[in-house]
Amino acid sequence: MLSSLFVILAAIFNALMDIFENENFHKSIFNDLNQKFWYKRESWKYAKKLFNYKFDAWHISKTLMIISFCLALILYKPIFGYIDILFYGALWNLTFNIFYNKILK
């Protein structure tokens, strides 16, 4: 069940990535923040690098999404058996849509 928390976090970070990357940024709660860090279409030009890793909002969100997803896999324990595939897929989509379309707008 702990893996559900990490699936939720991964979906939230994925919603953040999509907002930071496209024109919805200008309609989001991040609109007034510095585009040189938050808006991927600008931040890639200014992002600081460490070992070729760019430090901007999009790359940090992507890293946290991958870490969350990996932790979900590592901590996975079956809940409903094969139906878990549908459960986690629905959990991801529900979380992503709530954050992308409602909370972060």
PDB file of N, CA and C in Angstrom:
ATOM      1  N   MET A   1       0.817  -1.199   0.000  1.00  0.00           N
ATOM      2  CA  MET A   1       0.000   0.000   0.000  1.00  0.00           C
ATOM      3  C   MET A   1       0.865   1.269   0.000  1.00  0.00           C
ATOM      4  N   LEU A   2       2.078   1.166   0.530  1.00  0.00           N
ATOM      5  CA  LEU A   2       2.990   2.302   0.519  1.00  0.00           C
ATOM      6  C   LEU A   2       3.366   2.684  -0.916  1.00  0.00           C
ATOM      7  N   SER A   3       3.358   1.694  -1.792  1.00  0.00           N
ATOM      8  CA  SER A   3       3.669   1.988  -3.187  1.00  0.00           C
ATOM      9  C   SER A   3       2.618   2.920  -3.800  1.00  0.00           C
ATOM     10  N   SER A   4       1.399   2.887  -3.295  1.00  0.00           N
ATOM     11  CA  SER A   4       0.349   3.796  -3.786  1.00  0.00           C
ATOM     12  C   SER A   4       0.739   5.254  -3.565  1.00  0.00           C
ATOM     13  N   LEU A   5       1.336   5.535  -2.429  1.00  0.00           N
ATOM     14  CA  LEU A   5       1.789   6.893  -2.137  1.00  0.00           C
ATOM     15  C   LEU A   5       2.822   7.360  -3.166  1.00  0.00           C
ATOM     16  N   PHE A   6       3.732   6.468  -3.539  1.00  0.00           N
ATOM     17  CA  PHE A   6       4.760   6.845  -4.498  1.00  0.00           C
ATOM     18  C   PHE A   6       4.222   6.943  -5.924  1.00  0.00           C
ATOM     19  N   VAL A   7       3.189   6.171  -6.244  1.00  0.00           N
ATOM     20  CA  VAL A   7       2.517   6.330  -7.545  1.00  0.00           C
ATOM     21  C   VAL A   7       1.834   7.696  -7.595  1.00  0.00           C
ATOM     22  N   ILE A   8       1.196   8.076  -6.508  1.00  0.00           N
ATOM     23  CA  ILE A   8       0.553   9.395  -6.427  1.00  0.00           C
ATOM     24  C   ILE A   8       1.596  10.499  -6.588  1.00  0.00           C
ATOM     25  N   LEU A   9       2.707  10.396  -5.874  1.00  0.00           N
ATOM     26  CA  LEU A   9       3.766  11.402  -5.993  1.00  0.00           C
ATOM     27  C   LEU A   9       4.323  11.463  -7.417  1.00  0.00           C
ATOM     28  N   ALA A  10       4.535  10.306  -8.030  1.00  0.00           N
ATOM     29  CA  ALA A  10       5.051  10.281  -9.400  1.00  0.00           C
ATOM     30  C   ALA A  10       4.077  10.980 -10.352  1.00  0.00           C
ATOM     31  N   ALA A  11       2.792  10.752 -10.180  1.00  0.00           N
ATOM     32  CA  ALA A  11       1.788  11.396 -11.033  1.00  0.00           C
ATOM     33  C   ALA A  11       1.767  12.911 -10.816  1.00  0.00           C
ATOM     34  N   ILE A  12       1.936  13.345  -9.583  1.00  0.00           N
ATOM     35  CA  ILE A  12       1.996  14.788  -9.290  1.00  0.00           C
ATOM     36  C   ILE A  12       3.213  15.409  -9.968  1.00  0.00           C
ATOM     37  N   PHE A  13       4.365  14.754  -9.856  1.00  0.00           N
ATOM     38  CA  PHE A  13       5.566  15.280 -10.505  1.00  0.00           C
ATOM     39  C   PHE A  13       5.417  15.289 -12.023  1.00  0.00           C
ATOM     40  N   ASN A  14       4.701  14.300 -12.575  1.00  0.00           N
ATOM     41  CA  ASN A  14       4.449  14.280 -14.012  1.00  0.00           C
ATOM     42  C   ASN A  14       3.536  15.433 -14.422  1.00  0.00           C
ATOM     43  N   ALA A  15       2.533  15.743 -13.609  1.00  0.00           N
ATOM     44  CA  ALA A  15       1.664  16.893 -13.879  1.00  0.00           C
ATOM     45  C   ALA A  15       2.475  18.186 -13.840  1.00  0.00           C
ATOM     46  N   LEU A  16       3.368  18.294 -12.884  1.00  0.00           N
ATOM     47  CA  LEU A  16       4.238  19.475 -12.803  1.00  0.00           C
ATOM     48  C   LEU A  16       5.097  19.596 -14.056  1.00  0.00           C
ATOM     49  N   MET A  17       5.678  18.489 -14.499  1.00  0.00           N
ATOM     50  CA  MET A  17       6.501  18.509 -15.701  1.00  0.00           C
ATOM     51  C   MET A  17       5.711  19.043 -16.893  1.00  0.00           C
ATOM     52  N   ASP A  18       4.493  18.552 -17.064  1.00  0.00           N
ATOM     53  CA  ASP A  18       3.679  18.982 -18.206  1.00  0.00           C
ATOM     54  C   ASP A  18       3.335  20.467 -18.117  1.00  0.00           C
ATOM     55  N   ILE A  19       3.065  20.954 -16.933  1.00  0.00           N
ATOM     56  CA  ILE A  19       2.755  22.381 -16.775  1.00  0.00           C
ATOM     57  C   ILE A  19       3.999  23.228 -17.037  1.00  0.00           C
ATOM     58  N   PHE A  20       5.149  22.794 -16.547  1.00  0.00           N
ATOM     59  CA  PHE A  20       6.384  23.548 -16.749  1.00  0.00           C
ATOM     60  C   PHE A  20       6.813  23.565 -18.214  1.00  0.00           C
ATOM     61  N   GLU A  21       6.335  22.588 -18.981  1.00  0.00           N
ATOM     62  CA  GLU A  21       6.824  22.411 -20.345  1.00  0.00           C
ATOM     63  C   GLU A  21       5.994  23.120 -21.412  1.00  0.00           C
ATOM     64  N   ASN A  22       4.710  23.293 -21.208  1.00  0.00           N
ATOM     65  CA  ASN A  22       3.884  23.809 -22.300  1.00  0.00           C
ATOM     66  C   ASN A  22       3.195  25.112 -21.955  1.00  0.00           C
ATOM     67  N   GLU A  23       2.365  25.567 -22.859  1.00  0.00           N
ATOM     68  CA  GLU A  23       1.716  26.868 -22.714  1.00  0.00           C
ATOM     69  C   GLU A  23       0.754  26.947 -21.520  1.00  0.00           C
ATOM     70  N   ASN A  24       0.397  25.833 -20.941  1.00  0.00           N
ATOM     71  CA  ASN A  24      -0.443  25.869 -19.742  1.00  0.00           C
ATOM     72  C   ASN A  24       0.281  26.507 -18.559  1.00  0.00           C
ATOM     73  N   PHE A  25       1.592  26.637 -18.664  1.00  0.00           N
ATOM     74  CA  PHE A  25       2.376  27.321 -17.631  1.00  0.00           C
ATOM     75  C   PHE A  25       1.790  28.702 -17.355  1.00  0.00           C
ATOM     76  N   HIS A  26       1.398  29.393 -18.412  1.00  0.00           N
ATOM     77  CA  HIS A  26       0.903  30.767 -18.290  1.00  0.00           C
ATOM     78  C   HIS A  26      -0.488  30.851 -17.673  1.00  0.00           C
ATOM     79  N   LYS A  27      -1.164  29.705 -17.521  1.00  0.00           N
ATOM     80  CA  LYS A  27      -2.478  29.654 -16.888  1.00  0.00           C
ATOM     81  C   LYS A  27      -2.406  28.972 -15.519  1.00  0.00           C
ATOM     82  N   SER A  28      -1.183  28.670 -15.078  1.00  0.00           N
ATOM     83  CA  SER A  28      -1.013  27.903 -13.842  1.00  0.00           C
ATOM     84  C   SER A  28      -0.667  28.801 -12.670  1.00  0.00           C
ATOM     85  N   ILE A  29      -0.574  28.199 -11.500  1.00  0.00           N
ATOM     86  CA  ILE A  29      -0.202  28.924 -10.289  1.00  0.00           C
ATOM     87  C   ILE A  29       1.263  29.357 -10.327  1.00  0.00           C
ATOM     88  N   PHE A  30       2.028  28.870 -11.307  1.00  0.00           N
ATOM     89  CA  PHE A  30       3.449  29.203 -11.426  1.00  0.00           C
ATOM     90  C   PHE A  30       3.696  30.384 -12.360  1.00  0.00           C
ATOM     91  N   ASN A  31       2.664  30.922 -12.953  1.00  0.00           N
ATOM     92  CA  ASN A  31       2.758  31.956 -13.972  1.00  0.00           C
ATOM     93  C   ASN A  31       3.615  33.152 -13.559  1.00  0.00           C
ATOM     94  N   ASP A  32       3.532  33.561 -12.320  1.00  0.00           N
ATOM     95  CA  ASP A  32       4.251  34.754 -11.862  1.00  0.00           C
ATOM     96  C   ASP A  32       5.680  34.476 -11.403  1.00  0.00           C
ATOM     97  N   LEU A  33       6.099  33.223 -11.456  1.00  0.00           N
ATOM     98  CA  LEU A  33       7.446  32.866 -11.020  1.00  0.00           C
ATOM     99  C   LEU A  33       8.448  33.069 -12.157  1.00  0.00           C
ATOM    100  N   ASN A  34       9.705  33.113 -11.813  1.00  0.00           N
ATOM    101  CA  ASN A  34      10.773  33.359 -12.779  1.00  0.00           C
ATOM    102  C   ASN A  34      10.814  32.267 -13.846  1.00  0.00           C
ATOM    103  N   GLN A  35      10.543  32.648 -15.086  1.00  0.00           N
ATOM    104  CA  GLN A  35      10.509  31.692 -16.189  1.00  0.00           C
ATOM    105  C   GLN A  35      11.878  31.082 -16.471  1.00  0.00           C
ATOM    106  N   LYS A  36      12.932  31.739 -16.056  1.00  0.00           N
ATOM    107  CA  LYS A  36      14.273  31.210 -16.285  1.00  0.00           C
ATOM    108  C   LYS A  36      14.540  29.944 -15.466  1.00  0.00           C
ATOM    109  N   PHE A  37      13.716  29.677 -14.477  1.00  0.00           N
ATOM    110  CA  PHE A  37      13.816  28.441 -13.709  1.00  0.00           C
ATOM    111  C   PHE A  37      12.604  27.538 -13.920  1.00  0.00           C
ATOM    112  N   TRP A  38      11.409  28.118 -13.994  1.00  0.00           N
ATOM    113  CA  TRP A  38      10.173  27.350 -13.951  1.00  0.00           C
ATOM    114  C   TRP A  38       9.613  26.924 -15.307  1.00  0.00           C
ATOM    115  N   TYR A  39       9.819  27.699 -16.352  1.00  0.00           N
ATOM    116  CA  TYR A  39       9.206  27.422 -17.655  1.00  0.00           C
ATOM    117  C   TYR A  39      10.241  26.772 -18.567  1.00  0.00           C
ATOM    118  N   LYS A  40      10.037  25.511 -18.913  1.00  0.00           N
ATOM    119  CA  LYS A  40      11.060  24.737 -19.628  1.00  0.00           C
ATOM    120  C   LYS A  40      11.485  25.391 -20.937  1.00  0.00           C
ATOM    121  N   ARG A  41      10.574  26.045 -21.621  1.00  0.00           N
ATOM    122  CA  ARG A  41      10.929  26.660 -22.905  1.00  0.00           C
ATOM    123  C   ARG A  41      11.916  27.819 -22.741  1.00  0.00           C
ATOM    124  N   GLU A  42      12.062  28.304 -21.530  1.00  0.00           N
ATOM    125  CA  GLU A  42      13.067  29.328 -21.227  1.00  0.00           C
ATOM    126  C   GLU A  42      14.197  28.776 -20.354  1.00  0.00           C
ATOM    127  N   SER A  43      13.844  27.932 -19.411  1.00  0.00           N
ATOM    128  CA  SER A  43      14.816  27.502 -18.396  1.00  0.00           C
ATOM    129  C   SER A  43      15.985  26.718 -18.979  1.00  0.00           C
ATOM    130  N   TRP A  44      15.784  26.010 -20.069  1.00  0.00           N
ATOM    131  CA  TRP A  44      16.877  25.218 -20.634  1.00  0.00           C
ATOM    132  C   TRP A  44      18.057  26.107 -21.048  1.00  0.00           C
ATOM    133  N   LYS A  45      17.769  27.360 -21.335  1.00  0.00           N
ATOM    134  CA  LYS A  45      18.836  28.284 -21.744  1.00  0.00           C
ATOM    135  C   LYS A  45      19.677  28.754 -20.553  1.00  0.00           C
ATOM    136  N   TYR A  46      19.083  28.746 -19.365  1.00  0.00           N
ATOM    137  CA  TYR A  46      19.716  29.354 -18.188  1.00  0.00           C
ATOM    138  C   TYR A  46      20.053  28.357 -17.083  1.00  0.00           C
ATOM    139  N   ALA A  47      19.612  27.125 -17.231  1.00  0.00           N
ATOM    140  CA  ALA A  47      19.770  26.147 -16.153  1.00  0.00           C
ATOM    141  C   ALA A  47      21.237  25.901 -15.825  1.00  0.00           C
ATOM    142  N   LYS A  48      21.538  25.897 -14.550  1.00  0.00           N
ATOM    143  CA  LYS A  48      22.870  25.527 -14.079  1.00  0.00           C
ATOM    144  C   LYS A  48      23.042  24.033 -14.307  1.00  0.00           C
ATOM    145  N   LYS A  49      24.275  23.607 -14.541  1.00  0.00           N
ATOM    146  CA  LYS A  49      24.542  22.194 -14.788  1.00  0.00           C
ATOM    147  C   LYS A  49      25.536  21.655 -13.783  1.00  0.00           C
ATOM    148  N   LEU A  50      25.330  20.402 -13.418  1.00  0.00           N
ATOM    149  CA  LEU A  50      26.277  19.657 -12.603  1.00  0.00           C
ATOM    150  C   LEU A  50      26.370  18.267 -13.218  1.00  0.00           C
ATOM    151  N   PHE A  51      27.540  17.905 -13.737  1.00  0.00           N
ATOM    152  CA  PHE A  51      27.712  16.638 -14.446  1.00  0.00           C
ATOM    153  C   PHE A  51      26.685  16.476 -15.563  1.00  0.00           C
ATOM    154  N   ASN A  52      26.428  17.547 -16.275  1.00  0.00           N
ATOM    155  CA  ASN A  52      25.490  17.606 -17.399  1.00  0.00           C
ATOM    156  C   ASN A  52      24.025  17.480 -16.971  1.00  0.00           C
ATOM    157  N   TYR A  53      23.745  17.547 -15.681  1.00  0.00           N
ATOM    158  CA  TYR A  53      22.366  17.543 -15.175  1.00  0.00           C
ATOM    159  C   TYR A  53      21.919  18.995 -15.032  1.00  0.00           C
ATOM    160  N   LYS A  54      20.800  19.330 -15.659  1.00  0.00           N
ATOM    161  CA  LYS A  54      20.297  20.701 -15.598  1.00  0.00           C
ATOM    162  C   LYS A  54      19.417  20.881 -14.364  1.00  0.00           C
ATOM    163  N   PHE A  55      19.688  21.939 -13.616  1.00  0.00           N
ATOM    164  CA  PHE A  55      18.897  22.259 -12.437  1.00  0.00           C
ATOM    165  C   PHE A  55      17.849  23.308 -12.801  1.00  0.00           C
ATOM    166  N   ASP A  56      16.695  22.831 -13.220  1.00  0.00           N
ATOM    167  CA  ASP A  56      15.526  23.683 -13.422  1.00  0.00           C
ATOM    168  C   ASP A  56      14.314  22.889 -12.964  1.00  0.00           C
ATOM    169  N   ALA A  57      13.183  23.540 -12.915  1.00  0.00           N
ATOM    170  CA  ALA A  57      11.985  22.916 -12.349  1.00  0.00           C
ATOM    171  C   ALA A  57      11.593  21.647 -13.094  1.00  0.00           C
ATOM    172  N   TRP A  58      11.697  21.669 -14.431  1.00  0.00           N
ATOM    173  CA  TRP A  58      11.286  20.509 -15.219  1.00  0.00           C
ATOM    174  C   TRP A  58      12.179  19.304 -14.931  1.00  0.00           C
ATOM    175  N   HIS A  59      13.491  19.488 -14.938  1.00  0.00           N
ATOM    176  CA  HIS A  59      14.401  18.367 -14.718  1.00  0.00           C
ATOM    177  C   HIS A  59      14.330  17.834 -13.286  1.00  0.00           C
ATOM    178  N   ILE A  60      14.160  18.725 -12.334  1.00  0.00           N
ATOM    179  CA  ILE A  60      14.007  18.282 -10.945  1.00  0.00           C
ATOM    180  C   ILE A  60      12.717  17.474 -10.790  1.00  0.00           C
ATOM    181  N   SER A  61      11.629  17.941 -11.409  1.00  0.00           N
ATOM    182  CA  SER A  61      10.360  17.204 -11.346  1.00  0.00           C
ATOM    183  C   SER A  61      10.486  15.837 -12.001  1.00  0.00           C
ATOM    184  N   LYS A  62      11.184  15.783 -13.129  1.00  0.00           N
ATOM    185  CA  LYS A  62      11.363  14.501 -13.813  1.00  0.00           C
ATOM    186  C   LYS A  62      12.160  13.532 -12.943  1.00  0.00           C
ATOM    187  N   THR A  63      13.223  14.024 -12.327  1.00  0.00           N
ATOM    188  CA  THR A  63      14.031  13.187 -11.449  1.00  0.00           C
ATOM    189  C   THR A  63      13.200  12.648 -10.291  1.00  0.00           C
ATOM    190  N   LEU A  64      12.403  13.523  -9.678  1.00  0.00           N
ATOM    191  CA  LEU A  64      11.566  13.097  -8.548  1.00  0.00           C
ATOM    192  C   LEU A  64      10.482  12.130  -8.991  1.00  0.00           C
ATOM    193  N   MET A  65       9.961  12.290 -10.216  1.00  0.00           N
ATOM    194  CA  MET A  65       8.972  11.352 -10.737  1.00  0.00           C
ATOM    195  C   MET A  65       9.597   9.965 -10.900  1.00  0.00           C
ATOM    196  N   ILE A  66      10.783   9.908 -11.479  1.00  0.00           N
ATOM    197  CA  ILE A  66      11.449   8.616 -11.689  1.00  0.00           C
ATOM    198  C   ILE A  66      11.802   7.959 -10.354  1.00  0.00           C
ATOM    199  N   ILE A  67      12.301   8.741  -9.405  1.00  0.00           N
ATOM    200  CA  ILE A  67      12.615   8.198  -8.078  1.00  0.00           C
ATOM    201  C   ILE A  67      11.349   7.661  -7.417  1.00  0.00           C
ATOM    202  N   SER A  68      10.259   8.423  -7.489  1.00  0.00           N
ATOM    203  CA  SER A  68       8.989   7.988  -6.886  1.00  0.00           C
ATOM    204  C   SER A  68       8.486   6.706  -7.531  1.00  0.00           C
ATOM    205  N   PHE A  69       8.591   6.649  -8.850  1.00  0.00           N
ATOM    206  CA  PHE A  69       8.131   5.455  -9.564  1.00  0.00           C
ATOM    207  C   PHE A  69       8.985   4.239  -9.184  1.00  0.00           C
ATOM    208  N   CYS A  70      10.290   4.424  -9.095  1.00  0.00           N
ATOM    209  CA  CYS A  70      11.173   3.321  -8.694  1.00  0.00           C
ATOM    210  C   CYS A  70      10.874   2.854  -7.270  1.00  0.00           C
ATOM    211  N   LEU A  71      10.634   3.794  -6.370  1.00  0.00           N
ATOM    212  CA  LEU A  71      10.280   3.422  -4.991  1.00  0.00           C
ATOM    213  C   LEU A  71       8.958   2.670  -4.954  1.00  0.00           C
ATOM    214  N   ALA A  72       8.011   3.072  -5.795  1.00  0.00           N
ATOM    215  CA  ALA A  72       6.731   2.359  -5.876  1.00  0.00           C
ATOM    216  C   ALA A  72       6.965   0.913  -6.302  1.00  0.00           C
ATOM    217  N   LEU A  73       7.854   0.714  -7.268  1.00  0.00           N
ATOM    218  CA  LEU A  73       8.162  -0.653  -7.722  1.00  0.00           C
ATOM    219  C   LEU A  73       8.852  -1.462  -6.637  1.00  0.00           C
ATOM    220  N   ILE A  74       9.818  -0.842  -5.969  1.00  0.00           N
ATOM    221  CA  ILE A  74      10.569  -1.544  -4.928  1.00  0.00           C
ATOM    222  C   ILE A  74       9.663  -1.938  -3.761  1.00  0.00           C
ATOM    223  N   LEU A  75       8.744  -1.046  -3.383  1.00  0.00           N
ATOM    224  CA  LEU A  75       7.886  -1.277  -2.216  1.00  0.00           C
ATOM    225  C   LEU A  75       6.575  -1.983  -2.548  1.00  0.00           C
ATOM    226  N   TYR A  76       6.393  -2.347  -3.812  1.00  0.00           N
ATOM    227  CA  TYR A  76       5.129  -2.955  -4.246  1.00  0.00           C
ATOM    228  C   TYR A  76       4.844  -4.270  -3.538  1.00  0.00           C
ATOM    229  N   LYS A  77       3.629  -4.352  -3.020  1.00  0.00           N
ATOM    230  CA  LYS A  77       3.084  -5.589  -2.472  1.00  0.00           C
ATOM    231  C   LYS A  77       1.670  -5.702  -3.043  1.00  0.00           C
ATOM    232  N   PRO A  78       1.325  -6.845  -3.593  1.00  0.00           N
ATOM    233  CA  PRO A  78       0.002  -6.988  -4.223  1.00  0.00           C
ATOM    234  C   PRO A  78      -1.140  -6.627  -3.279  1.00  0.00           C
ATOM    235  N   ILE A  79      -2.130  -5.939  -3.853  1.00  0.00           N
ATOM    236  CA  ILE A  79      -3.325  -5.577  -3.094  1.00  0.00           C
ATOM    237  C   ILE A  79      -4.502  -6.416  -3.579  1.00  0.00           C
ATOM    238  N   PHE A  80      -4.757  -6.336  -4.887  1.00  0.00           N
ATOM    239  CA  PHE A  80      -5.898  -7.029  -5.483  1.00  0.00           C
ATOM    240  C   PHE A  80      -5.477  -8.101  -6.481  1.00  0.00           C
ATOM    241  N   GLY A  81      -4.222  -8.417  -6.564  1.00  0.00           N
ATOM    242  CA  GLY A  81      -3.735  -9.373  -7.560  1.00  0.00           C
ATOM    243  C   GLY A  81      -3.547  -8.682  -8.897  1.00  0.00           C
ATOM    244  N   TYR A  82      -3.994  -9.341  -9.962  1.00  0.00           N
ATOM    245  CA  TYR A  82      -3.805  -8.782 -11.307  1.00  0.00           C
ATOM    246  C   TYR A  82      -4.572  -7.478 -11.514  1.00  0.00           C
ATOM    247  N   ILE A  83      -5.577  -7.250 -10.719  1.00  0.00           N
ATOM    248  CA  ILE A  83      -6.360  -6.017 -10.828  1.00  0.00           C
ATOM    249  C   ILE A  83      -5.529  -4.805 -10.396  1.00  0.00           C
ATOM    250  N   ASP A  84      -4.416  -5.044  -9.724  1.00  0.00           N
ATOM    251  CA  ASP A  84      -3.530  -3.944  -9.323  1.00  0.00           C
ATOM    252  C   ASP A  84      -3.124  -3.085 -10.517  1.00  0.00           C
ATOM    253  N   ILE A  85      -2.970  -3.700 -11.680  1.00  0.00           N
ATOM    254  CA  ILE A  85      -2.596  -2.938 -12.884  1.00  0.00           C
ATOM    255  C   ILE A  85      -3.638  -1.864 -13.151  1.00  0.00           C
ATOM    256  N   LEU A  86      -4.904  -2.228 -13.075  1.00  0.00           N
ATOM    257  CA  LEU A  86      -5.989  -1.256 -13.283  1.00  0.00           C
ATOM    258  C   LEU A  86      -6.047  -0.248 -12.146  1.00  0.00           C
ATOM    259  N   PHE A  87      -5.860  -0.724 -10.922  1.00  0.00           N
ATOM    260  CA  PHE A  87      -5.897   0.149  -9.757  1.00  0.00           C
ATOM    261  C   PHE A  87      -4.820   1.236  -9.848  1.00  0.00           C
ATOM    262  N   TYR A  88      -3.579   0.834 -10.109  1.00  0.00           N
ATOM    263  CA  TYR A  88      -2.484   1.808 -10.163  1.00  0.00           C
ATOM    264  C   TYR A  88      -2.606   2.720 -11.382  1.00  0.00           C
ATOM    265  N   GLY A  89      -3.096   2.181 -12.491  1.00  0.00           N
ATOM    266  CA  GLY A  89      -3.334   3.021 -13.662  1.00  0.00           C
ATOM    267  C   GLY A  89      -4.392   4.074 -13.391  1.00  0.00           C
ATOM    268  N   ALA A  90      -5.478   3.668 -12.745  1.00  0.00           N
ATOM    269  CA  ALA A  90      -6.541   4.612 -12.399  1.00  0.00           C
ATOM    270  C   ALA A  90      -6.049   5.625 -11.368  1.00  0.00           C
ATOM    271  N   LEU A  91      -5.265   5.166 -10.400  1.00  0.00           N
ATOM    272  CA  LEU A  91      -4.714   6.055  -9.376  1.00  0.00           C
ATOM    273  C   LEU A  91      -3.816   7.115 -10.017  1.00  0.00           C
ATOM    274  N   TRP A  92      -2.960   6.694 -10.942  1.00  0.00           N
ATOM    275  CA  TRP A  92      -2.077   7.618 -11.650  1.00  0.00           C
ATOM    276  C   TRP A  92      -2.909   8.649 -12.421  1.00  0.00           C
ATOM    277  N   ASN A  93      -3.858   8.167 -13.245  1.00  0.00           N
ATOM    278  CA  ASN A  93      -4.656   9.075 -14.083  1.00  0.00           C
ATOM    279  C   ASN A  93      -5.507  10.026 -13.266  1.00  0.00           C
ATOM    280  N   LEU A  94      -6.108   9.539 -12.214  1.00  0.00           N
ATOM    281  CA  LEU A  94      -6.930  10.385 -11.354  1.00  0.00           C
ATOM    282  C   LEU A  94      -6.074  11.471 -10.702  1.00  0.00           C
ATOM    283  N   THR A  95      -4.951  11.074 -10.136  1.00  0.00           N
ATOM    284  CA  THR A  95      -4.065  12.037  -9.476  1.00  0.00           C
ATOM    285  C   THR A  95      -3.543  13.060 -10.474  1.00  0.00           C
ATOM    286  N   PHE A  96      -3.055  12.586 -11.616  1.00  0.00           N
ATOM    287  CA  PHE A  96      -2.522  13.488 -12.633  1.00  0.00           C
ATOM    288  C   PHE A  96      -3.574  14.512 -13.047  1.00  0.00           C
ATOM    289  N   ASN A  97      -4.768  14.053 -13.364  1.00  0.00           N
ATOM    290  CA  ASN A  97      -5.817  14.961 -13.837  1.00  0.00           C
ATOM    291  C   ASN A  97      -6.263  15.961 -12.779  1.00  0.00           C
ATOM    292  N   ILE A  98      -6.368  15.533 -11.544  1.00  0.00           N
ATOM    293  CA  ILE A  98      -6.753  16.450 -10.471  1.00  0.00           C
ATOM    294  C   ILE A  98      -5.701  17.547 -10.316  1.00  0.00           C
ATOM    295  N   PHE A  99      -4.437  17.164 -10.323  1.00  0.00           N
ATOM    296  CA  PHE A  99      -3.381  18.167 -10.149  1.00  0.00           C
ATOM    297  C   PHE A  99      -3.207  19.022 -11.393  1.00  0.00           C
ATOM    298  N   TYR A 100      -3.191  18.415 -12.565  1.00  0.00           N
ATOM    299  CA  TYR A 100      -2.943  19.162 -13.789  1.00  0.00           C
ATOM    300  C   TYR A 100      -4.104  20.107 -14.120  1.00  0.00           C
ATOM    301  N   ASN A 101      -5.332  19.631 -13.975  1.00  0.00           N
ATOM    302  CA  ASN A 101      -6.501  20.405 -14.407  1.00  0.00           C
ATOM    303  C   ASN A 101      -7.149  21.249 -13.325  1.00  0.00           C
ATOM    304  N   LYS A 102      -6.869  20.964 -12.066  1.00  0.00           N
ATOM    305  CA  LYS A 102      -7.551  21.687 -10.971  1.00  0.00           C
ATOM    306  C   LYS A 102      -6.589  22.394 -10.020  1.00  0.00           C
ATOM    307  N   ILE A 103      -5.800  21.613  -9.315  1.00  0.00           N
ATOM    308  CA  ILE A 103      -4.996  22.156  -8.211  1.00  0.00           C
ATOM    309  C   ILE A 103      -3.907  23.111  -8.700  1.00  0.00           C
ATOM    310  N   LEU A 104      -3.235  22.771  -9.788  1.00  0.00           N
ATOM    311  CA  LEU A 104      -2.115  23.589 -10.247  1.00  0.00           C
ATOM    312  C   LEU A 104      -2.505  24.667 -11.235  1.00  0.00           C
ATOM    313  N   LYS A 105      -3.765  24.819 -11.507  1.00  0.00           N
ATOM    314  CA  LYS A 105      -4.249  25.869 -12.438  1.00  0.00           C
ATOM    315  C   LYS A 105      -4.384  27.173 -11.710  1.00  0.00           C
TER     316      LYS A 105
END
